[in-house]
Amino acid sequence: MASHYDIAVVGGGLVGSSLVCALASSSYRIALIDSQPLVDIELKADQLDGRSIALALSSKKMLSALGMWEKLQEHATAIKKIHISDQGHFGATRLDSARYEVESFGYLVPADHLIHTLNKQVDALDNVTRIQPYEVSAIENHSDHVTLKQKSGEEIQASLLVAADGANSFIRKALEIEVEEKQYQQSAIVGSVECEGVHNNTAYERFTEEGPLALLPREGNRCGFIWMNPTEAAENHLALSDQAFKDKLQQAFGFRLGHFQTVSKRFAYPLALLMSEQRVQQRVVLIGNAAQTLHPIAGQGLNLALRDIAELVELLNENDLNSSDGNLDKMLMCYARKRQPDIEKTIRFTDRLNFLFNADYPVLKQSRGLGLAMLGAIPVLEERIVKQNLGESVSSANLLRGNAVNS
């Protein structure tokens, strides 16, 4: 006999876990399903992998409303200033959160701590059941529910299925939802580095000859980095010794933060832009990377997913999932329409920014420095970058303003 839930969330990562935490105050019975067994650890310094997550100010407000920020803030570093420059060209842009009368542009949180905090929060929820490992092998849509099956024959039924299973989403593929895909022929190298100088809560975006390089402030004098390289160059950089890689990173970034002292273990992953042609189907909704995967040049991926969640949760709390009169599917279509402008704007912003600072055209190369120098003098352009970093969007969802879901 199949187990029945109001909502089945497939994907127990950052996005899926954030969604079930946002639904904690609801009366829905929720299944959080993942193909991998749950692995969580009591965090120790030698077990951290050095990766960081950039959270927009609106995302921080949302995590505060969900009762998680107080558990994260000890490990979070505020981004109060942003410095944007282009290697080998004059001109730079400097943004200061004080000018905009906000506490910061956002925060940097070690990925391990965010995952650990989400796992602990999920485990404390009475209305959530973890089901993992559970590898979905088939999906059946019905007028009043969705059925998930695995090869063993075990079935799970839900009134609503949420696909949060990442860029290679099985749910999306099983439902034959087409995607528009753009391969950037780049990989991102991520890690952290200890600096000689003090970062003063400044995030640096440096456009280098090999690709954009971001250094983001972390605890003490440490900075997280993400360096986008052509795929072959990234593979070569990843194969370097710690000292050789540190020297290469120093050469690309310069000495604004003095000499780099130590560098963490590095990881790399390929970069692509992916957009689902449908974000909703009958009793199914795609969120996060399952719906859209962005270039990480502006750190917008998780922040966009959290805005998806904030909007979806409000609509779910206003509708009856278990009715068979078609209202749920109308609600999902309404959700898709409301999210479309923000999603399209964010995709255009990251894609064009990547094109501008990776283009190999002489005219563009020569104009980049001038563009950065002029940016601070053109308020409307500067305001666009600031709004994107703050996470301001067309969404008016309560969670993004730091308010409880039903307030």
Protein backbone atom coordinates (compact mmCIF):
# COMPACT_ATOMS: atom_id res chain seq x y z
CA MET A 1 0.00 0.00 0.00
CA ALA A 2 1.29 3.44 -0.92
CA SER A 3 2.10 6.01 1.75
CA HIS A 4 0.21 9.27 1.22
CA TYR A 5 1.41 12.79 1.96
CA ASP A 6 0.09 16.24 1.18
CA ILE A 7 3.43 17.32 -0.32
CA ALA A 8 6.33 15.23 -1.58
CA VAL A 9 9.58 17.16 -2.01
CA VAL A 10 12.14 15.29 -4.11
CA GLY A 11 15.64 16.56 -3.37
CA GLY A 12 16.98 16.92 0.17
CA GLY A 13 19.66 19.52 -0.56
CA LEU A 14 19.69 23.24 0.23
CA VAL A 15 16.57 24.06 -1.79
CA GLY A 16 14.37 21.11 -0.80
CA SER A 17 15.32 21.41 2.88
CA SER A 18 14.68 25.16 2.84
CA LEU A 19 11.21 24.58 1.42
CA VAL A 20 10.14 22.09 4.09
CA CYS A 21 11.50 24.41 6.80
CA ALA A 22 9.42 27.24 5.32
CA LEU A 23 6.34 24.98 5.55
CA ALA A 24 6.99 24.10 9.20
CA SER A 25 4.00 26.08 10.49
CA SER A 26 1.58 24.53 7.99
CA SER A 27 -0.70 21.58 8.65
CA TYR A 28 0.62 19.68 5.63
CA ARG A 29 2.14 16.23 5.98
CA ILE A 30 5.37 16.42 4.01
CA ALA A 31 7.76 13.77 2.69
CA LEU A 32 11.34 14.87 2.02
CA ILE A 33 12.75 12.36 -0.44
CA ASP A 34 16.33 11.94 -1.61
CA SER A 35 18.17 9.24 -3.53
CA GLN A 36 21.18 9.42 -1.20
CA PRO A 37 21.35 8.36 2.45
CA LEU A 38 21.47 11.23 4.94
CA VAL A 39 25.02 12.05 5.95
CA ASP A 40 25.51 14.79 8.51
CA ILE A 41 28.33 15.46 10.91
CA GLU A 42 29.08 17.51 13.95
CA LEU A 43 31.21 20.09 12.21
CA LYS A 44 34.93 20.12 12.93
CA ALA A 45 37.55 22.38 11.41
CA ASP A 46 39.35 19.57 9.59
CA GLN A 47 36.10 18.36 8.00
CA LEU A 48 35.09 21.61 6.30
CA ASP A 49 35.60 21.75 2.54
CA GLY A 50 35.97 25.54 2.26
CA ARG A 51 33.00 26.28 0.02
CA SER A 52 30.83 29.30 0.79
CA ILE A 53 27.29 30.44 0.02
CA ALA A 54 26.52 34.10 -0.71
CA LEU A 55 23.16 35.08 0.79
CA ALA A 56 21.39 38.25 -0.32
CA LEU A 57 19.97 40.48 2.40
CA SER A 58 16.45 39.28 1.56
CA SER A 59 17.63 35.66 1.99
CA LYS A 60 19.07 36.51 5.40
CA LYS A 61 15.73 38.05 6.40
CA MET A 62 13.96 34.89 5.26
CA LEU A 63 16.26 32.63 7.29
CA SER A 64 15.68 34.91 10.29
CA ALA A 65 11.92 34.50 9.91
CA LEU A 66 12.42 30.72 9.83
CA GLY A 67 14.42 30.79 13.07
CA MET A 68 17.70 29.69 11.48
CA TRP A 69 19.75 32.86 11.30
CA GLU A 70 20.61 32.88 15.01
CA LYS A 71 22.24 29.48 14.47
CA LEU A 72 24.16 30.70 11.41
CA GLN A 73 25.20 34.23 12.31
CA GLU A 74 28.23 33.14 14.35
CA HIS A 75 29.72 31.76 11.12
CA ALA A 76 28.35 34.45 8.76
CA THR A 77 30.38 37.37 7.45
CA ALA A 78 28.66 40.56 6.31
CA ILE A 79 29.41 41.95 2.85
CA LYS A 80 29.42 45.69 3.47
CA LYS A 81 31.38 46.78 0.41
CA ILE A 82 31.81 45.52 -3.16
CA HIS A 83 34.88 46.23 -5.29
CA ILE A 84 34.70 45.41 -9.02
CA SER A 85 37.79 45.61 -11.25
CA ASP A 86 39.20 44.33 -14.54
CA GLN A 87 42.74 42.92 -14.69
CA GLY A 88 45.00 44.94 -16.96
CA HIS A 89 42.52 47.81 -17.42
CA PHE A 90 41.96 51.07 -15.59
CA GLY A 91 38.73 51.79 -13.78
CA ALA A 92 36.92 50.17 -10.89
CA THR A 93 33.55 50.33 -9.17
CA ARG A 94 33.22 50.59 -5.40
CA LEU A 95 29.87 50.11 -3.70
CA ASP A 96 29.21 50.77 0.00
CA SER A 97 26.13 49.47 1.82
CA ALA A 98 26.19 52.51 4.15
CA ARG A 99 25.35 54.71 1.18
CA TYR A 100 22.14 52.72 0.69
CA GLU A 101 21.30 52.72 4.41
CA VAL A 102 21.25 48.93 4.67
CA GLU A 103 23.13 46.75 7.15
CA SER A 104 24.99 44.97 4.33
CA PHE A 105 24.63 43.80 0.75
CA GLY A 106 24.45 40.23 1.99
CA TYR A 107 26.33 37.59 3.95
CA LEU A 108 28.77 34.79 3.25
CA VAL A 109 28.08 31.52 5.07
CA PRO A 110 30.21 28.35 4.90
CA ALA A 111 28.21 25.78 2.93
CA ASP A 112 28.81 23.07 5.53
CA HIS A 113 27.24 25.16 8.30
CA LEU A 114 24.20 26.01 6.20
CA ILE A 115 23.62 22.36 5.25
CA HIS A 116 24.16 21.24 8.84
CA THR A 117 21.73 23.85 10.20
CA LEU A 118 19.06 22.94 7.65
CA ASN A 119 19.39 19.23 8.44
CA LYS A 120 18.98 19.87 12.16
CA GLN A 121 15.95 22.08 11.54
CA VAL A 122 14.30 19.49 9.28
CA ASP A 123 14.86 16.70 11.80
CA ALA A 124 13.03 18.73 14.46
CA LEU A 125 9.86 19.17 12.37
CA ASP A 126 6.88 17.03 13.39
CA ASN A 127 5.11 17.33 10.03
CA VAL A 128 8.09 16.17 7.92
CA THR A 129 9.17 12.58 7.23
CA ARG A 130 12.56 11.92 5.67
CA ILE A 131 12.53 9.11 3.13
CA GLN A 132 16.05 8.35 2.00
CA PRO A 133 17.62 6.69 0.26
CA TYR A 134 14.67 6.48 -2.13
CA GLU A 135 15.43 6.62 -5.84
CA VAL A 136 12.38 7.56 -7.88
CA SER A 137 12.13 5.41 -11.01
CA ALA A 138 8.67 6.41 -12.32
CA ILE A 139 5.99 9.08 -11.89
CA GLU A 140 2.25 8.89 -12.51
CA ASN A 141 0.03 12.00 -12.64
CA HIS A 142 -3.60 11.71 -11.56
CA SER A 143 -6.35 14.28 -11.19
CA ASP A 144 -6.11 14.25 -7.39
CA HIS A 145 -2.56 13.04 -6.66
CA VAL A 146 0.88 12.12 -7.99
CA THR A 147 2.40 8.67 -7.49
CA LEU A 148 6.15 8.11 -7.14
CA LYS A 149 7.57 4.64 -7.63
CA GLN A 150 10.95 3.06 -7.09
CA LYS A 151 12.23 -0.15 -8.66
CA SER A 152 11.44 -2.20 -5.55
CA GLY A 153 7.76 -1.41 -6.11
CA GLU A 154 7.38 0.86 -3.08
CA GLU A 155 5.03 3.77 -3.83
CA ILE A 156 4.54 7.24 -2.38
CA GLN A 157 1.48 9.34 -3.19
CA ALA A 158 1.17 13.09 -2.72
CA SER A 159 -1.32 15.80 -3.55
CA LEU A 160 1.59 17.97 -4.73
CA LEU A 161 5.02 17.00 -6.00
CA VAL A 162 7.86 19.53 -5.72
CA ALA A 163 10.97 18.81 -7.77
CA ALA A 164 14.04 20.22 -6.02
CA ASP A 165 16.41 17.57 -7.35
CA GLY A 166 18.92 19.83 -9.07
CA ALA A 167 20.09 20.65 -12.56
CA ASN A 168 19.95 16.99 -13.66
CA SER A 169 16.44 16.61 -12.26
CA PHE A 170 15.00 13.13 -12.76
CA ILE A 171 11.51 14.51 -12.16
CA ARG A 172 11.88 17.05 -14.97
CA LYS A 173 13.18 14.41 -17.36
CA ALA A 174 10.51 11.85 -16.42
CA LEU A 175 7.79 14.42 -17.12
CA GLU A 176 9.45 15.16 -20.48
CA ILE A 177 9.82 18.85 -19.72
CA GLU A 178 12.12 20.39 -22.31
CA VAL A 179 14.98 22.69 -21.32
CA GLU A 180 16.87 25.45 -23.05
CA GLU A 181 20.54 24.89 -22.33
CA LYS A 182 23.67 26.95 -22.92
CA GLN A 183 27.06 25.45 -22.18
CA TYR A 184 29.56 28.12 -21.12
CA GLN A 185 32.58 25.86 -21.71
CA GLN A 186 33.74 26.98 -18.27
CA SER A 187 34.28 25.40 -14.89
CA ALA A 188 34.23 27.09 -11.49
CA ILE A 189 37.04 26.44 -9.03
CA VAL A 190 35.94 27.02 -5.44
CA GLY A 191 37.77 27.08 -2.12
CA SER A 192 39.13 29.55 0.42
CA VAL A 193 42.36 31.41 1.05
CA GLU A 194 43.97 33.03 4.11
CA CYS A 195 45.05 36.61 3.38
CA GLU A 196 47.83 38.74 4.84
CA GLY A 197 45.67 41.86 4.77
CA VAL A 198 42.28 42.61 6.30
CA HIS A 199 39.29 42.29 3.96
CA ASN A 200 37.17 44.85 5.85
CA ASN A 201 33.98 43.00 4.86
CA THR A 202 34.64 43.73 1.19
CA ALA A 203 33.66 41.37 -1.63
CA TYR A 204 35.97 41.57 -4.64
CA GLU A 205 34.88 40.77 -8.19
CA ARG A 206 37.95 40.68 -10.42
CA PHE A 207 37.67 40.04 -14.14
CA THR A 208 40.88 38.24 -15.10
CA GLU A 209 42.32 37.09 -18.41
CA GLU A 210 41.22 33.52 -17.65
CA GLY A 211 37.78 34.36 -16.27
CA PRO A 212 35.91 36.15 -13.45
CA LEU A 213 37.36 35.73 -9.96
CA ALA A 214 35.40 36.53 -6.80
CA LEU A 215 36.96 36.80 -3.34
CA LEU A 216 34.31 36.92 -0.65
CA PRO A 217 34.92 37.86 3.01
CA ARG A 218 34.85 35.11 5.60
CA GLU A 219 35.85 34.78 9.23
CA GLY A 220 39.09 36.47 10.30
CA ASN A 221 41.32 37.24 7.32
CA ARG A 222 39.98 34.35 5.26
CA CYS A 223 38.17 34.76 1.94
CA GLY A 224 36.15 32.27 -0.03
CA PHE A 225 36.90 32.29 -3.74
CA ILE A 226 35.19 31.19 -6.92
CA TRP A 227 37.22 31.41 -10.12
CA MET A 228 35.53 30.77 -13.46
CA ASN A 229 37.97 29.39 -16.04
CA PRO A 230 37.72 27.79 -19.48
CA THR A 231 37.28 24.06 -18.83
CA GLU A 232 40.80 23.02 -19.84
CA ALA A 233 42.41 25.84 -17.83
CA ALA A 234 40.34 24.88 -14.77
CA GLU A 235 41.52 21.28 -15.03
CA ASN A 236 45.12 22.46 -15.24
CA HIS A 237 44.70 24.78 -12.25
CA LEU A 238 43.06 22.05 -10.21
CA ALA A 239 46.07 19.78 -10.82
CA LEU A 240 48.53 22.34 -9.39
CA SER A 241 50.14 22.01 -5.98
CA ASP A 242 48.87 24.29 -3.20
CA GLN A 243 51.84 26.63 -3.65
CA ALA A 244 51.57 26.77 -7.44
CA PHE A 245 47.82 27.38 -7.32
CA LYS A 246 48.23 30.06 -4.65
CA ASP A 247 50.80 31.83 -6.85
CA LYS A 248 48.46 31.64 -9.85
CA LEU A 249 45.57 33.03 -7.80
CA GLN A 250 47.77 35.83 -6.46
CA GLN A 251 48.87 36.78 -9.96
CA ALA A 252 45.26 37.01 -11.13
CA PHE A 253 43.93 38.92 -8.10
CA GLY A 254 46.85 41.18 -7.26
CA PHE A 255 47.93 42.38 -3.82
CA ARG A 256 44.94 44.36 -2.55
CA LEU A 257 44.81 41.92 0.38
CA GLY A 258 48.56 41.45 0.66
CA HIS A 259 50.16 38.07 0.12
CA PHE A 260 47.99 34.96 0.22
CA GLN A 261 49.09 32.72 3.11
CA THR A 262 47.36 29.34 2.82
CA VAL A 263 44.84 27.88 0.41
CA SER A 264 42.19 25.22 1.10
CA LYS A 265 41.34 22.11 -0.85
CA ARG A 266 39.80 23.06 -4.21
CA PHE A 267 36.76 21.74 -6.05
CA ALA A 268 35.54 22.37 -9.60
CA TYR A 269 32.23 21.99 -11.39
CA PRO A 270 31.10 22.72 -14.98
CA LEU A 271 29.01 25.81 -15.70
CA ALA A 272 25.89 26.01 -17.83
CA LEU A 273 22.69 28.03 -18.15
CA LEU A 274 19.58 25.87 -18.02
CA MET A 275 15.97 27.04 -18.26
CA SER A 276 12.97 24.71 -18.07
CA GLU A 277 10.31 25.48 -20.64
CA GLN A 278 7.70 24.61 -18.00
CA ARG A 279 7.98 25.18 -14.28
CA VAL A 280 4.63 23.62 -13.43
CA GLN A 281 2.57 20.68 -14.62
CA GLN A 282 -0.49 18.94 -13.23
CA ARG A 283 0.15 18.83 -9.44
CA VAL A 284 3.91 19.29 -10.02
CA VAL A 285 6.17 22.32 -9.55
CA LEU A 286 9.91 22.67 -10.25
CA ILE A 287 12.04 24.95 -8.06
CA GLY A 288 15.71 25.86 -7.74
CA ASN A 289 18.18 24.32 -10.18
CA ALA A 290 15.56 21.87 -11.39
CA ALA A 291 13.75 24.88 -12.89
CA GLN A 292 16.70 27.12 -13.73
CA THR A 293 20.46 26.85 -13.31
CA LEU A 294 22.45 30.08 -13.50
CA HIS A 295 26.04 31.12 -14.04
CA PRO A 296 27.49 31.79 -10.55
CA ILE A 297 29.14 35.08 -11.56
CA ALA A 298 26.85 37.13 -9.29
CA GLY A 299 26.02 34.46 -6.70
CA GLN A 300 22.29 34.51 -7.51
CA GLY A 301 21.36 30.81 -7.76
CA LEU A 302 20.31 29.96 -4.19
CA ASN A 303 18.92 33.46 -3.62
CA LEU A 304 16.64 33.07 -6.63
CA ALA A 305 15.55 29.64 -5.35
CA LEU A 306 14.71 31.10 -1.93
CA ARG A 307 12.53 33.69 -3.66
CA ASP A 308 10.81 30.78 -5.46
CA ILE A 309 10.18 29.17 -2.08
CA ALA A 310 8.89 32.32 -0.38
CA GLU A 311 6.32 32.89 -3.11
CA LEU A 312 5.29 29.23 -3.33
CA VAL A 313 4.78 28.88 0.43
CA GLU A 314 2.40 31.85 0.55
CA LEU A 315 0.27 30.40 -2.24
CA LEU A 316 0.27 26.92 -0.68
CA ASN A 317 -1.01 28.35 2.59
CA GLU A 318 -3.87 30.03 0.75
CA ASN A 319 -5.07 26.98 -1.19
CA ASP A 320 -6.44 23.50 -0.55
CA LEU A 321 -4.04 20.93 -1.99
CA ASN A 322 -6.47 18.07 -1.64
CA SER A 323 -9.32 19.48 -3.70
CA SER A 324 -9.97 17.89 -7.09
CA ASP A 325 -11.63 20.94 -8.67
CA GLY A 326 -8.53 22.12 -10.51
CA ASN A 327 -7.82 25.04 -8.16
CA LEU A 328 -4.37 23.69 -7.29
CA ASP A 329 -3.26 23.67 -10.91
CA LYS A 330 -4.63 27.20 -11.34
CA MET A 331 -2.61 28.22 -8.29
CA LEU A 332 0.54 26.65 -9.75
CA MET A 333 0.02 28.55 -13.01
CA CYS A 334 -0.42 31.73 -10.99
CA TYR A 335 2.84 30.97 -9.16
CA ALA A 336 4.68 30.44 -12.46
CA ARG A 337 3.40 33.75 -13.86
CA LYS A 338 4.35 35.67 -10.71
CA ARG A 339 7.88 34.27 -10.67
CA GLN A 340 8.59 34.68 -14.39
CA PRO A 341 9.69 38.37 -14.39
CA ASP A 342 12.18 37.93 -11.52
CA ILE A 343 13.59 34.72 -13.00
CA GLU A 344 14.01 36.19 -16.49
CA LYS A 345 15.60 39.38 -15.15
CA THR A 346 18.08 37.46 -13.00
CA ILE A 347 19.01 35.09 -15.83
CA ARG A 348 19.61 38.02 -18.20
CA PHE A 349 21.69 39.82 -15.57
CA THR A 350 24.05 36.89 -14.91
CA ASP A 351 24.29 35.75 -18.53
CA ARG A 352 25.08 39.22 -19.90
CA LEU A 353 27.55 39.95 -17.12
CA ASN A 354 29.39 36.74 -17.93
CA PHE A 355 29.39 37.57 -21.65
CA LEU A 356 30.68 41.09 -21.08
CA PHE A 357 33.64 40.01 -18.97
CA ASN A 358 34.54 36.91 -20.98
CA ALA A 359 34.10 38.36 -24.48
CA ASP A 360 37.26 38.20 -26.56
CA TYR A 361 36.38 41.17 -28.76
CA PRO A 362 38.98 44.00 -28.67
CA VAL A 363 36.34 46.75 -28.54
CA LEU A 364 34.63 45.16 -25.54
CA LYS A 365 37.95 44.54 -23.80
CA GLN A 366 38.94 48.18 -24.24
CA SER A 367 35.58 49.47 -23.05
CA ARG A 368 35.29 47.34 -19.91
CA GLY A 369 37.57 49.54 -17.82
CA LEU A 370 35.74 52.65 -18.97
CA GLY A 371 32.43 50.97 -18.15
CA LEU A 372 33.56 50.21 -14.60
CA ALA A 373 34.86 53.75 -14.14
CA MET A 374 31.57 55.19 -15.38
CA LEU A 375 29.36 52.81 -13.42
CA GLY A 376 29.61 54.75 -10.18
CA ALA A 377 28.72 57.94 -12.03
CA ILE A 378 25.52 56.51 -13.54
CA PRO A 379 23.07 55.95 -10.65
CA VAL A 380 20.62 53.77 -12.58
CA LEU A 381 23.34 51.23 -13.49
CA GLU A 382 24.80 51.17 -10.01
CA GLU A 383 21.31 50.79 -8.55
CA ARG A 384 20.71 47.71 -10.73
CA ILE A 385 23.77 45.93 -9.34
CA VAL A 386 22.86 46.90 -5.78
CA LYS A 387 19.27 45.67 -6.10
CA GLN A 388 20.49 42.36 -7.51
CA ASN A 389 22.88 41.88 -4.59
CA LEU A 390 20.24 42.83 -2.02
CA GLY A 391 17.84 40.33 -3.57
CA GLU A 392 15.20 42.96 -4.26
CA SER A 393 12.72 41.60 -6.75
CA VAL A 394 9.15 41.74 -7.91
CA SER A 395 8.19 39.39 -5.07
CA SER A 396 6.42 40.88 -2.06
CA ALA A 397 6.40 37.60 -0.11
CA ASN A 398 6.38 38.05 3.66
CA LEU A 399 9.35 35.75 4.26
CA LEU A 400 11.64 37.92 2.13
CA ARG A 401 10.86 40.87 4.40
CA GLY A 402 11.66 38.84 7.50
CA ASN A 403 8.02 38.31 8.49
CA ALA A 404 6.31 35.08 9.46
CA VAL A 405 4.58 33.21 6.64
CA ASN A 406 1.03 34.06 7.67
CA SER A 407 1.62 37.63 8.88
